[in-house]
Amino acid sequence: MDISAPNRELRYLTGRKLAVFLAAADRIIPAFDSLPSGGTMTTAQVVDWALERMEPGLRKRFLALLTVMEIMGVAFGARPFSKNSAKARDRQLAWMESGPSLMRMGFFGLKNYACLGYYTREAVWKAIGYAGPARPDRQYPDTVIRALCRAEAEVAP
């Protein structure tokens, strides 16, 4: 997990929630060839940007999921999720993916946000052979996300 990068402060993914998100994203999107795993601060900063724009009630539930995951880690590896082994984390995520409907919904929400944070980055586009948007010159109403995707802005842990 990469936890370096000064510049933009995280607002929602902080402390234990950040540790849980990074640990989960690391298992959901494993490192491949020259690409890092999804458990990086770069992924977290894009997700934090998205959380800032999320409806407050939904954002509260998403952040509560991270807390629940951390506590439930004890049942899968005798430690909190963020401190468990990769094998224990995989067991817990697999259980969430196919378990009770609330956990399943939470897992897929987490997976979607991890993928959002990871695959919106231009460095990843190049590595997977994606040429980018049809109109790369298009102006975005929010310049922060464009800077994050281009790796022009970083986040302070």
N, C-alpha and C. Protein backbone atom coordinates (compact mmCIF):
# COMPACT_ATOMS: atom_id res chain seq x y z
N MET A 1 0.84 -1.19 0.00
CA MET A 1 0.00 0.00 0.00
C MET A 1 0.88 1.24 0.00
N ASP A 2 0.60 2.18 -0.89
CA ASP A 2 1.35 3.43 -0.99
C ASP A 2 0.66 4.47 -0.13
N ILE A 3 1.39 5.03 0.81
CA ILE A 3 0.78 6.04 1.67
C ILE A 3 1.60 7.32 1.61
N SER A 4 2.14 7.66 0.45
CA SER A 4 2.87 8.90 0.31
C SER A 4 2.09 9.83 -0.60
N ALA A 5 2.35 11.09 -0.52
CA ALA A 5 1.79 12.09 -1.43
C ALA A 5 1.29 13.30 -0.68
N PRO A 6 2.04 14.38 -0.67
CA PRO A 6 1.61 15.60 0.01
C PRO A 6 0.75 16.48 -0.90
N ASN A 7 -0.10 17.29 -0.36
CA ASN A 7 -0.81 18.34 -1.08
C ASN A 7 -2.27 18.51 -0.68
N ARG A 8 -3.16 17.61 -1.02
CA ARG A 8 -4.60 17.75 -0.80
C ARG A 8 -5.02 16.88 0.37
N GLU A 9 -5.65 17.46 1.38
CA GLU A 9 -6.05 16.69 2.55
C GLU A 9 -7.30 15.87 2.29
N LEU A 10 -7.30 14.65 2.81
CA LEU A 10 -8.50 13.82 2.75
C LEU A 10 -9.49 14.35 3.76
N ARG A 11 -10.75 14.32 3.38
CA ARG A 11 -11.79 14.84 4.26
C ARG A 11 -12.58 13.72 4.94
N TYR A 12 -12.84 12.63 4.23
CA TYR A 12 -13.68 11.56 4.75
C TYR A 12 -12.93 10.26 5.02
N LEU A 13 -12.01 9.92 4.16
CA LEU A 13 -11.22 8.70 4.37
C LEU A 13 -10.01 9.06 5.21
N THR A 14 -10.19 9.00 6.52
CA THR A 14 -9.13 9.34 7.45
C THR A 14 -9.00 8.24 8.51
N GLY A 15 -7.88 8.20 9.17
CA GLY A 15 -7.69 7.28 10.28
C GLY A 15 -7.96 5.83 9.93
N ARG A 16 -8.75 5.16 10.77
CA ARG A 16 -9.05 3.74 10.57
C ARG A 16 -9.85 3.51 9.29
N LYS A 17 -10.72 4.43 8.94
CA LYS A 17 -11.51 4.27 7.71
C LYS A 17 -10.58 4.24 6.49
N LEU A 18 -9.58 5.09 6.49
CA LEU A 18 -8.60 5.09 5.41
C LEU A 18 -7.84 3.77 5.39
N ALA A 19 -7.43 3.30 6.55
CA ALA A 19 -6.69 2.02 6.62
C ALA A 19 -7.54 0.88 6.08
N VAL A 20 -8.82 0.85 6.44
CA VAL A 20 -9.72 -0.21 5.95
C VAL A 20 -9.90 -0.08 4.44
N PHE A 21 -10.15 1.14 3.96
CA PHE A 21 -10.33 1.32 2.52
C PHE A 21 -9.09 0.87 1.76
N LEU A 22 -7.91 1.28 2.19
CA LEU A 22 -6.67 0.91 1.49
C LEU A 22 -6.46 -0.60 1.51
N ALA A 23 -6.73 -1.23 2.66
CA ALA A 23 -6.56 -2.68 2.77
C ALA A 23 -7.54 -3.42 1.86
N ALA A 24 -8.78 -2.94 1.80
CA ALA A 24 -9.79 -3.59 0.95
C ALA A 24 -9.47 -3.36 -0.53
N ALA A 25 -9.14 -2.14 -0.90
CA ALA A 25 -8.84 -1.83 -2.30
C ALA A 25 -7.60 -2.59 -2.77
N ASP A 26 -6.68 -2.83 -1.86
CA ASP A 26 -5.48 -3.60 -2.17
C ASP A 26 -5.82 -5.03 -2.56
N ARG A 27 -6.86 -5.59 -1.97
CA ARG A 27 -7.29 -6.97 -2.27
C ARG A 27 -8.27 -7.00 -3.45
N ILE A 28 -9.09 -5.97 -3.59
CA ILE A 28 -10.07 -5.93 -4.68
C ILE A 28 -9.37 -5.72 -6.02
N ILE A 29 -8.35 -4.87 -6.04
CA ILE A 29 -7.58 -4.59 -7.27
C ILE A 29 -6.12 -4.91 -6.96
N PRO A 30 -5.70 -6.16 -7.17
CA PRO A 30 -4.31 -6.52 -6.87
C PRO A 30 -3.33 -5.91 -7.86
N ALA A 31 -2.09 -5.78 -7.43
CA ALA A 31 -1.04 -5.28 -8.32
C ALA A 31 -0.90 -6.23 -9.51
N PHE A 32 -0.57 -5.66 -10.66
CA PHE A 32 -0.42 -6.47 -11.87
C PHE A 32 0.64 -5.84 -12.75
N ASP A 33 1.60 -6.64 -13.19
CA ASP A 33 2.71 -6.14 -14.01
C ASP A 33 3.29 -4.88 -13.38
N SER A 34 3.28 -3.78 -14.11
CA SER A 34 3.88 -2.54 -13.60
C SER A 34 2.87 -1.69 -12.83
N LEU A 35 1.62 -2.12 -12.78
CA LEU A 35 0.59 -1.34 -12.10
C LEU A 35 0.56 -1.65 -10.60
N PRO A 36 0.38 -0.63 -9.78
CA PRO A 36 0.23 -0.87 -8.34
C PRO A 36 -1.15 -1.44 -8.06
N SER A 37 -1.36 -1.91 -6.85
CA SER A 37 -2.69 -2.37 -6.45
C SER A 37 -3.61 -1.16 -6.28
N GLY A 38 -4.87 -1.43 -6.01
CA GLY A 38 -5.82 -0.34 -5.77
C GLY A 38 -5.64 0.33 -4.43
N GLY A 39 -4.90 -0.28 -3.53
CA GLY A 39 -4.73 0.26 -2.18
C GLY A 39 -3.66 1.33 -2.10
N THR A 40 -3.88 2.44 -2.81
CA THR A 40 -2.92 3.54 -2.80
C THR A 40 -3.61 4.83 -2.37
N MET A 41 -2.82 5.78 -1.94
CA MET A 41 -3.37 7.08 -1.59
C MET A 41 -3.95 7.77 -2.81
N THR A 42 -3.42 7.49 -3.97
CA THR A 42 -3.95 8.08 -5.19
C THR A 42 -5.39 7.62 -5.42
N THR A 43 -5.64 6.32 -5.21
CA THR A 43 -7.01 5.81 -5.32
C THR A 43 -7.89 6.45 -4.24
N ALA A 44 -7.38 6.51 -3.03
CA ALA A 44 -8.14 7.08 -1.90
C ALA A 44 -8.51 8.53 -2.14
N GLN A 45 -7.62 9.31 -2.75
CA GLN A 45 -7.94 10.73 -2.96
C GLN A 45 -9.07 10.91 -3.95
N VAL A 46 -9.14 10.07 -4.98
CA VAL A 46 -10.26 10.17 -5.94
C VAL A 46 -11.56 9.75 -5.25
N VAL A 47 -11.51 8.70 -4.44
CA VAL A 47 -12.70 8.24 -3.72
C VAL A 47 -13.14 9.30 -2.71
N ASP A 48 -12.21 9.91 -2.02
CA ASP A 48 -12.55 10.96 -1.07
C ASP A 48 -13.22 12.13 -1.79
N TRP A 49 -12.72 12.47 -2.97
CA TRP A 49 -13.34 13.51 -3.79
C TRP A 49 -14.80 13.13 -4.10
N ALA A 50 -15.02 11.86 -4.48
CA ALA A 50 -16.37 11.40 -4.81
C ALA A 50 -17.27 11.39 -3.57
N LEU A 51 -16.72 11.00 -2.43
CA LEU A 51 -17.50 10.99 -1.19
C LEU A 51 -17.97 12.40 -0.81
N GLU A 52 -17.15 13.38 -1.11
CA GLU A 52 -17.50 14.77 -0.81
C GLU A 52 -18.76 15.18 -1.58
N ARG A 53 -18.99 14.58 -2.73
CA ARG A 53 -20.12 14.92 -3.59
C ARG A 53 -21.32 13.98 -3.39
N MET A 54 -21.15 12.97 -2.57
CA MET A 54 -22.20 11.98 -2.33
C MET A 54 -23.28 12.56 -1.41
N GLU A 55 -24.49 12.08 -1.58
CA GLU A 55 -25.59 12.46 -0.69
C GLU A 55 -25.17 12.10 0.75
N PRO A 56 -25.34 13.02 1.71
CA PRO A 56 -24.82 12.81 3.07
C PRO A 56 -25.25 11.51 3.75
N GLY A 57 -26.50 11.11 3.58
CA GLY A 57 -26.96 9.87 4.21
C GLY A 57 -26.25 8.64 3.64
N LEU A 58 -26.07 8.63 2.34
CA LEU A 58 -25.37 7.52 1.70
C LEU A 58 -23.90 7.52 2.09
N ARG A 59 -23.29 8.69 2.13
CA ARG A 59 -21.90 8.79 2.55
C ARG A 59 -21.72 8.27 3.97
N LYS A 60 -22.65 8.59 4.84
CA LYS A 60 -22.59 8.12 6.24
C LYS A 60 -22.65 6.59 6.28
N ARG A 61 -23.50 5.99 5.46
CA ARG A 61 -23.61 4.52 5.42
C ARG A 61 -22.33 3.90 4.85
N PHE A 62 -21.74 4.52 3.83
CA PHE A 62 -20.51 4.01 3.25
C PHE A 62 -19.39 4.02 4.30
N LEU A 63 -19.28 5.11 5.02
CA LEU A 63 -18.23 5.21 6.05
C LEU A 63 -18.52 4.27 7.21
N ALA A 64 -19.79 4.05 7.53
CA ALA A 64 -20.15 3.09 8.58
C ALA A 64 -19.76 1.67 8.15
N LEU A 65 -19.91 1.36 6.86
CA LEU A 65 -19.50 0.06 6.35
C LEU A 65 -18.03 -0.19 6.65
N LEU A 66 -17.19 0.82 6.45
CA LEU A 66 -15.76 0.65 6.71
C LEU A 66 -15.50 0.35 8.18
N THR A 67 -16.25 0.99 9.07
CA THR A 67 -16.11 0.72 10.50
C THR A 67 -16.55 -0.70 10.83
N VAL A 68 -17.68 -1.11 10.28
CA VAL A 68 -18.18 -2.48 10.50
C VAL A 68 -17.18 -3.51 9.97
N MET A 69 -16.63 -3.25 8.81
CA MET A 69 -15.63 -4.17 8.23
C MET A 69 -14.43 -4.32 9.16
N GLU A 70 -13.97 -3.21 9.72
CA GLU A 70 -12.81 -3.24 10.60
C GLU A 70 -13.09 -4.13 11.82
N ILE A 71 -14.25 -3.95 12.41
CA ILE A 71 -14.62 -4.73 13.59
C ILE A 71 -14.83 -6.20 13.24
N MET A 72 -15.52 -6.46 12.12
CA MET A 72 -15.80 -7.84 11.71
C MET A 72 -14.54 -8.62 11.36
N GLY A 73 -13.46 -7.93 11.08
CA GLY A 73 -12.20 -8.60 10.75
C GLY A 73 -11.79 -9.60 11.81
N VAL A 74 -12.17 -9.35 13.05
CA VAL A 74 -11.83 -10.25 14.16
C VAL A 74 -12.40 -11.65 13.91
N ALA A 75 -13.55 -11.73 13.29
CA ALA A 75 -14.18 -13.03 13.02
C ALA A 75 -13.47 -13.80 11.90
N PHE A 76 -12.69 -13.10 11.10
CA PHE A 76 -12.05 -13.74 9.95
C PHE A 76 -10.55 -13.95 10.12
N GLY A 77 -9.94 -13.24 11.05
CA GLY A 77 -8.50 -13.39 11.23
C GLY A 77 -8.01 -13.02 12.61
N ALA A 78 -8.93 -12.90 13.56
CA ALA A 78 -8.62 -12.60 14.96
C ALA A 78 -8.03 -11.20 15.17
N ARG A 79 -8.10 -10.36 14.14
CA ARG A 79 -7.61 -8.99 14.25
C ARG A 79 -8.54 -8.08 13.45
N PRO A 80 -8.45 -6.77 13.66
CA PRO A 80 -9.25 -5.86 12.83
C PRO A 80 -8.89 -6.05 11.35
N PHE A 81 -9.82 -5.79 10.47
CA PHE A 81 -9.64 -6.01 9.03
C PHE A 81 -8.33 -5.43 8.51
N SER A 82 -8.04 -4.18 8.85
CA SER A 82 -6.85 -3.52 8.29
C SER A 82 -5.54 -4.13 8.79
N LYS A 83 -5.60 -4.91 9.86
CA LYS A 83 -4.40 -5.53 10.40
C LYS A 83 -4.33 -7.03 10.10
N ASN A 84 -5.37 -7.57 9.47
CA ASN A 84 -5.41 -8.99 9.13
C ASN A 84 -4.47 -9.31 7.97
N SER A 85 -4.18 -10.59 7.83
CA SER A 85 -3.38 -11.06 6.70
C SER A 85 -4.20 -10.92 5.41
N ALA A 86 -3.51 -10.98 4.28
CA ALA A 86 -4.19 -10.92 2.98
C ALA A 86 -5.20 -12.05 2.86
N LYS A 87 -4.85 -13.23 3.35
CA LYS A 87 -5.74 -14.38 3.26
C LYS A 87 -7.03 -14.15 4.07
N ALA A 88 -6.89 -13.59 5.27
CA ALA A 88 -8.07 -13.30 6.10
C ALA A 88 -8.92 -12.20 5.46
N ARG A 89 -8.27 -11.20 4.89
CA ARG A 89 -9.03 -10.13 4.21
C ARG A 89 -9.80 -10.71 3.03
N ASP A 90 -9.15 -11.58 2.27
CA ASP A 90 -9.83 -12.21 1.13
C ASP A 90 -11.04 -13.02 1.58
N ARG A 91 -10.90 -13.74 2.70
CA ARG A 91 -12.04 -14.52 3.23
C ARG A 91 -13.19 -13.60 3.59
N GLN A 92 -12.87 -12.50 4.27
CA GLN A 92 -13.93 -11.57 4.67
C GLN A 92 -14.59 -10.93 3.45
N LEU A 93 -13.82 -10.50 2.49
CA LEU A 93 -14.39 -9.87 1.30
C LEU A 93 -15.23 -10.87 0.50
N ALA A 94 -14.78 -12.12 0.43
CA ALA A 94 -15.55 -13.16 -0.28
C ALA A 94 -16.87 -13.40 0.44
N TRP A 95 -16.84 -13.43 1.77
CA TRP A 95 -18.07 -13.61 2.55
C TRP A 95 -19.01 -12.43 2.30
N MET A 96 -18.47 -11.21 2.29
CA MET A 96 -19.30 -10.03 2.06
C MET A 96 -19.92 -10.07 0.67
N GLU A 97 -19.16 -10.52 -0.31
CA GLU A 97 -19.63 -10.56 -1.69
C GLU A 97 -20.80 -11.51 -1.88
N SER A 98 -20.83 -12.59 -1.10
CA SER A 98 -21.89 -13.58 -1.28
C SER A 98 -22.76 -13.76 -0.03
N GLY A 99 -22.54 -12.93 0.98
CA GLY A 99 -23.25 -13.06 2.25
C GLY A 99 -24.60 -12.39 2.28
N PRO A 100 -25.02 -11.97 3.47
CA PRO A 100 -26.33 -11.30 3.63
C PRO A 100 -26.43 -10.08 2.72
N SER A 101 -27.65 -9.76 2.31
CA SER A 101 -27.84 -8.73 1.30
C SER A 101 -27.22 -7.38 1.66
N LEU A 102 -27.28 -6.96 2.91
CA LEU A 102 -26.68 -5.68 3.28
C LEU A 102 -25.16 -5.70 3.09
N MET A 103 -24.54 -6.80 3.45
CA MET A 103 -23.09 -6.92 3.27
C MET A 103 -22.75 -6.98 1.78
N ARG A 104 -23.56 -7.69 1.03
CA ARG A 104 -23.35 -7.80 -0.42
C ARG A 104 -23.44 -6.42 -1.07
N MET A 105 -24.46 -5.65 -0.70
CA MET A 105 -24.60 -4.29 -1.24
C MET A 105 -23.41 -3.43 -0.84
N GLY A 106 -23.00 -3.56 0.41
CA GLY A 106 -21.85 -2.81 0.88
C GLY A 106 -20.59 -3.18 0.13
N PHE A 107 -20.39 -4.49 -0.08
CA PHE A 107 -19.20 -4.94 -0.81
C PHE A 107 -19.18 -4.35 -2.22
N PHE A 108 -20.30 -4.43 -2.93
CA PHE A 108 -20.32 -3.93 -4.30
C PHE A 108 -20.19 -2.41 -4.36
N GLY A 109 -20.71 -1.71 -3.36
CA GLY A 109 -20.48 -0.27 -3.29
C GLY A 109 -19.01 0.04 -3.10
N LEU A 110 -18.38 -0.67 -2.17
CA LEU A 110 -16.95 -0.50 -1.92
C LEU A 110 -16.14 -0.83 -3.17
N LYS A 111 -16.47 -1.93 -3.81
CA LYS A 111 -15.75 -2.33 -5.03
C LYS A 111 -15.90 -1.28 -6.12
N ASN A 112 -17.12 -0.76 -6.29
CA ASN A 112 -17.34 0.27 -7.31
C ASN A 112 -16.52 1.52 -7.04
N TYR A 113 -16.46 1.94 -5.78
CA TYR A 113 -15.68 3.13 -5.46
C TYR A 113 -14.19 2.87 -5.59
N ALA A 114 -13.72 1.69 -5.23
CA ALA A 114 -12.30 1.36 -5.42
C ALA A 114 -11.96 1.40 -6.92
N CYS A 115 -12.83 0.84 -7.73
CA CYS A 115 -12.60 0.86 -9.19
C CYS A 115 -12.66 2.28 -9.74
N LEU A 116 -13.59 3.09 -9.25
CA LEU A 116 -13.68 4.49 -9.65
C LEU A 116 -12.36 5.20 -9.36
N GLY A 117 -11.88 5.03 -8.15
CA GLY A 117 -10.64 5.70 -7.74
C GLY A 117 -9.43 5.22 -8.52
N TYR A 118 -9.44 3.98 -8.93
CA TYR A 118 -8.29 3.39 -9.61
C TYR A 118 -8.31 3.64 -11.12
N TYR A 119 -9.41 3.31 -11.75
CA TYR A 119 -9.47 3.34 -13.22
C TYR A 119 -9.74 4.72 -13.82
N THR A 120 -9.95 5.75 -13.02
CA THR A 120 -10.09 7.10 -13.57
C THR A 120 -8.74 7.77 -13.76
N ARG A 121 -7.68 7.13 -13.32
CA ARG A 121 -6.34 7.74 -13.39
C ARG A 121 -5.70 7.51 -14.75
N GLU A 122 -5.18 8.56 -15.33
CA GLU A 122 -4.59 8.47 -16.67
C GLU A 122 -3.40 7.52 -16.73
N ALA A 123 -2.64 7.40 -15.66
CA ALA A 123 -1.50 6.47 -15.65
C ALA A 123 -1.99 5.03 -15.82
N VAL A 124 -3.13 4.72 -15.24
CA VAL A 124 -3.71 3.38 -15.38
C VAL A 124 -4.24 3.20 -16.79
N TRP A 125 -4.86 4.23 -17.36
CA TRP A 125 -5.38 4.14 -18.73
C TRP A 125 -4.29 3.68 -19.66
N LYS A 126 -3.15 4.36 -19.59
CA LYS A 126 -2.04 4.04 -20.50
C LYS A 126 -1.57 2.61 -20.32
N ALA A 127 -1.47 2.17 -19.07
CA ALA A 127 -0.97 0.83 -18.79
C ALA A 127 -1.91 -0.27 -19.28
N ILE A 128 -3.22 0.02 -19.33
CA ILE A 128 -4.17 -1.00 -19.79
C ILE A 128 -4.56 -0.82 -21.25
N GLY A 129 -3.96 0.18 -21.90
CA GLY A 129 -4.21 0.37 -23.32
C GLY A 129 -5.46 1.17 -23.65
N TYR A 130 -5.97 1.93 -22.69
CA TYR A 130 -7.15 2.76 -22.94
C TYR A 130 -6.68 4.14 -23.39
N ALA A 131 -7.16 4.60 -24.53
CA ALA A 131 -6.70 5.87 -25.10
C ALA A 131 -7.27 7.08 -24.37
N GLY A 132 -8.30 6.88 -23.58
CA GLY A 132 -8.90 8.00 -22.86
C GLY A 132 -10.20 8.45 -23.49
N PRO A 133 -10.80 9.51 -22.94
CA PRO A 133 -12.08 9.99 -23.45
C PRO A 133 -11.99 10.43 -24.91
N ALA A 134 -13.11 10.37 -25.59
CA ALA A 134 -13.16 10.77 -26.99
C ALA A 134 -12.83 12.26 -27.15
N ARG A 135 -13.15 13.04 -26.13
CA ARG A 135 -12.87 14.48 -26.17
C ARG A 135 -11.98 14.86 -24.98
N PRO A 136 -10.68 14.61 -25.06
CA PRO A 136 -9.81 14.89 -23.93
C PRO A 136 -9.67 16.38 -23.61
N ASP A 137 -10.01 17.23 -24.54
CA ASP A 137 -9.89 18.68 -24.34
C ASP A 137 -11.11 19.28 -23.64
N ARG A 138 -12.12 18.46 -23.38
CA ARG A 138 -13.36 18.93 -22.76
C ARG A 138 -13.08 19.53 -21.39
N GLN A 139 -13.70 20.65 -21.11
CA GLN A 139 -13.55 21.30 -19.82
C GLN A 139 -14.45 20.61 -18.79
N TYR A 140 -13.94 20.36 -17.62
CA TYR A 140 -14.70 19.74 -16.55
C TYR A 140 -15.19 20.82 -15.60
N PRO A 141 -16.44 20.71 -15.12
CA PRO A 141 -16.95 21.73 -14.20
C PRO A 141 -16.17 21.73 -12.88
N ASP A 142 -15.57 20.61 -12.52
CA ASP A 142 -14.79 20.51 -11.29
C ASP A 142 -13.35 20.17 -11.67
N THR A 143 -12.48 21.14 -11.55
CA THR A 143 -11.09 20.93 -11.98
C THR A 143 -10.31 20.00 -11.06
N VAL A 144 -10.79 19.79 -9.84
CA VAL A 144 -10.07 18.93 -8.90
C VAL A 144 -9.99 17.50 -9.42
N ILE A 145 -11.08 16.95 -9.91
CA ILE A 145 -11.06 15.56 -10.37
C ILE A 145 -10.13 15.41 -11.57
N ARG A 146 -10.10 16.39 -12.44
CA ARG A 146 -9.20 16.30 -13.60
C ARG A 146 -7.74 16.30 -13.14
N ALA A 147 -7.43 17.13 -12.17
CA ALA A 147 -6.07 17.18 -11.63
C ALA A 147 -5.71 15.86 -10.95
N LEU A 148 -6.68 15.27 -10.24
CA LEU A 148 -6.42 13.98 -9.58
C LEU A 148 -6.16 12.88 -10.62
N CYS A 149 -6.96 12.86 -11.67
CA CYS A 149 -6.80 11.84 -12.70
C CYS A 149 -5.48 11.98 -13.45
N ARG A 150 -5.03 13.21 -13.60
CA ARG A 150 -3.76 13.45 -14.29
C ARG A 150 -2.56 13.39 -13.34
N ALA A 151 -2.81 13.11 -12.08
CA ALA A 151 -1.76 13.05 -11.06
C ALA A 151 -1.08 14.41 -10.89
N GLU A 152 -1.85 15.48 -11.08
CA GLU A 152 -1.33 16.83 -10.89
C GLU A 152 -1.59 17.33 -9.48
N ALA A 153 -2.43 16.63 -8.74
CA ALA A 153 -2.72 16.98 -7.35
C ALA A 153 -2.52 15.73 -6.52
N GLU A 154 -2.02 15.91 -5.35
CA GLU A 154 -1.82 14.76 -4.46
C GLU A 154 -2.50 15.05 -3.15
N VAL A 155 -2.50 14.07 -2.29
CA VAL A 155 -3.22 14.18 -1.03
C VAL A 155 -2.29 14.00 0.15
N ALA A 156 -2.55 14.74 1.20
CA ALA A 156 -1.77 14.56 2.43
C ALA A 156 -2.47 13.51 3.28
N PRO A 157 -1.73 12.52 3.77
CA PRO A 157 -2.36 11.48 4.59
C PRO A 157 -2.88 12.03 5.90
